[in-house]
Amino acid sequence: MPAELTATLFINITDSRCGNCRKPTMPSDTHHRDISGWNRRPGGGCGARFINTASDYALVPAERLREMRPDLPVRNDR
């Protein structure tokens, strides 16, 4: 049985994306099933399950990430 694909959910100021394939996703998704945005593609995601959150921006504090996704831990590596 293959191992489950997991990824960090990056939530930024104007977008969110999958840490595995780096393509856009909705911050409320549990798995990366669809590619969101202007050119939405249902079923176009890599399928990774989100296991934590992070942001590329120092202006997005850990508290904000916890508010958006209280079910996921915040990855603290900045």
Protein backbone atom coordinates (compact mmCIF):
# COMPACT_ATOMS: atom_id res chain seq x y z
CA MET A 1 0.00 0.00 0.00
CA PRO A 2 1.55 3.34 -1.02
CA ALA A 3 2.19 5.97 1.63
CA GLU A 4 -0.28 8.83 1.88
CA LEU A 5 0.89 12.05 0.23
CA THR A 6 0.96 14.93 2.74
CA ALA A 7 1.74 18.63 2.43
CA THR A 8 1.83 21.98 4.18
CA LEU A 9 -1.00 24.37 3.37
CA PHE A 10 0.55 27.79 2.69
CA ILE A 11 -1.85 30.61 3.52
CA ASN A 12 -0.63 33.99 2.40
CA ILE A 13 -2.03 37.51 2.15
CA THR A 14 -3.64 37.11 -1.29
CA ASP A 15 -3.45 33.40 -2.04
CA SER A 16 -3.07 29.90 -0.67
CA ARG A 17 -1.25 26.95 -2.18
CA CYS A 18 -0.24 23.36 -1.69
CA GLY A 19 3.27 22.84 -0.34
CA ASN A 20 3.68 19.66 -2.38
CA CYS A 21 2.91 20.80 -5.93
CA ARG A 22 2.85 24.59 -5.24
CA LYS A 23 -0.45 25.04 -7.10
CA PRO A 24 -3.35 27.14 -5.75
CA THR A 25 -5.89 25.68 -3.37
CA MET A 26 -8.63 26.92 -1.08
CA PRO A 27 -7.49 27.46 2.53
CA SER A 28 -10.52 25.49 3.76
CA ASP A 29 -9.65 22.31 1.82
CA THR A 30 -8.47 19.24 3.75
CA HIS A 31 -6.85 17.69 0.65
CA HIS A 32 -5.56 19.27 -2.55
CA ARG A 33 -8.21 17.96 -4.91
CA ASP A 34 -8.92 21.08 -7.00
CA ILE A 35 -6.83 23.93 -8.34
CA SER A 36 -8.50 27.19 -7.34
CA GLY A 37 -8.23 30.69 -8.79
CA TRP A 38 -9.07 32.34 -12.10
CA ASN A 39 -8.45 29.13 -14.04
CA ARG A 40 -10.16 26.74 -11.62
CA ARG A 41 -9.64 23.08 -12.42
CA PRO A 42 -11.76 20.61 -10.47
CA GLY A 43 -9.78 17.43 -9.89
CA GLY A 44 -6.51 19.10 -10.92
CA GLY A 45 -4.85 18.97 -7.48
CA CYS A 46 -2.15 16.55 -6.42
CA GLY A 47 -4.32 14.87 -3.76
CA ALA A 48 -2.04 15.63 -0.81
CA ARG A 49 -3.63 15.79 2.65
CA PHE A 50 -2.79 19.01 4.50
CA ILE A 51 -1.07 18.28 7.81
CA ASN A 52 -0.03 21.78 8.89
CA THR A 53 -0.11 25.44 7.85
CA ALA A 54 2.54 28.05 7.14
CA SER A 55 2.92 31.38 5.41
CA ASP A 56 5.59 32.93 3.21
CA TYR A 57 4.88 36.34 4.73
CA ALA A 58 6.09 37.55 8.13
CA LEU A 59 2.98 39.76 8.25
CA VAL A 60 0.75 36.68 8.53
CA PRO A 61 1.13 35.72 12.19
CA ALA A 62 0.67 32.21 13.56
CA GLU A 63 -2.46 33.42 15.37
CA ARG A 64 -4.10 34.24 12.02
CA LEU A 65 -3.21 30.80 10.63
CA ARG A 66 -4.75 29.19 13.73
CA GLU A 67 -7.92 31.28 13.25
CA MET A 68 -8.24 30.14 9.65
CA ARG A 69 -7.42 26.47 10.28
CA PRO A 70 -7.82 25.57 13.96
CA ASP A 71 -7.70 21.87 12.99
CA LEU A 72 -4.10 22.08 11.74
CA PRO A 73 -0.89 22.91 13.62
CA VAL A 74 1.23 25.86 12.48
CA ARG A 75 4.66 25.00 11.11
CA ASN A 76 7.13 27.33 12.84
CA ASP A 77 10.27 27.47 10.74
CA ARG A 78 10.59 31.10 9.79
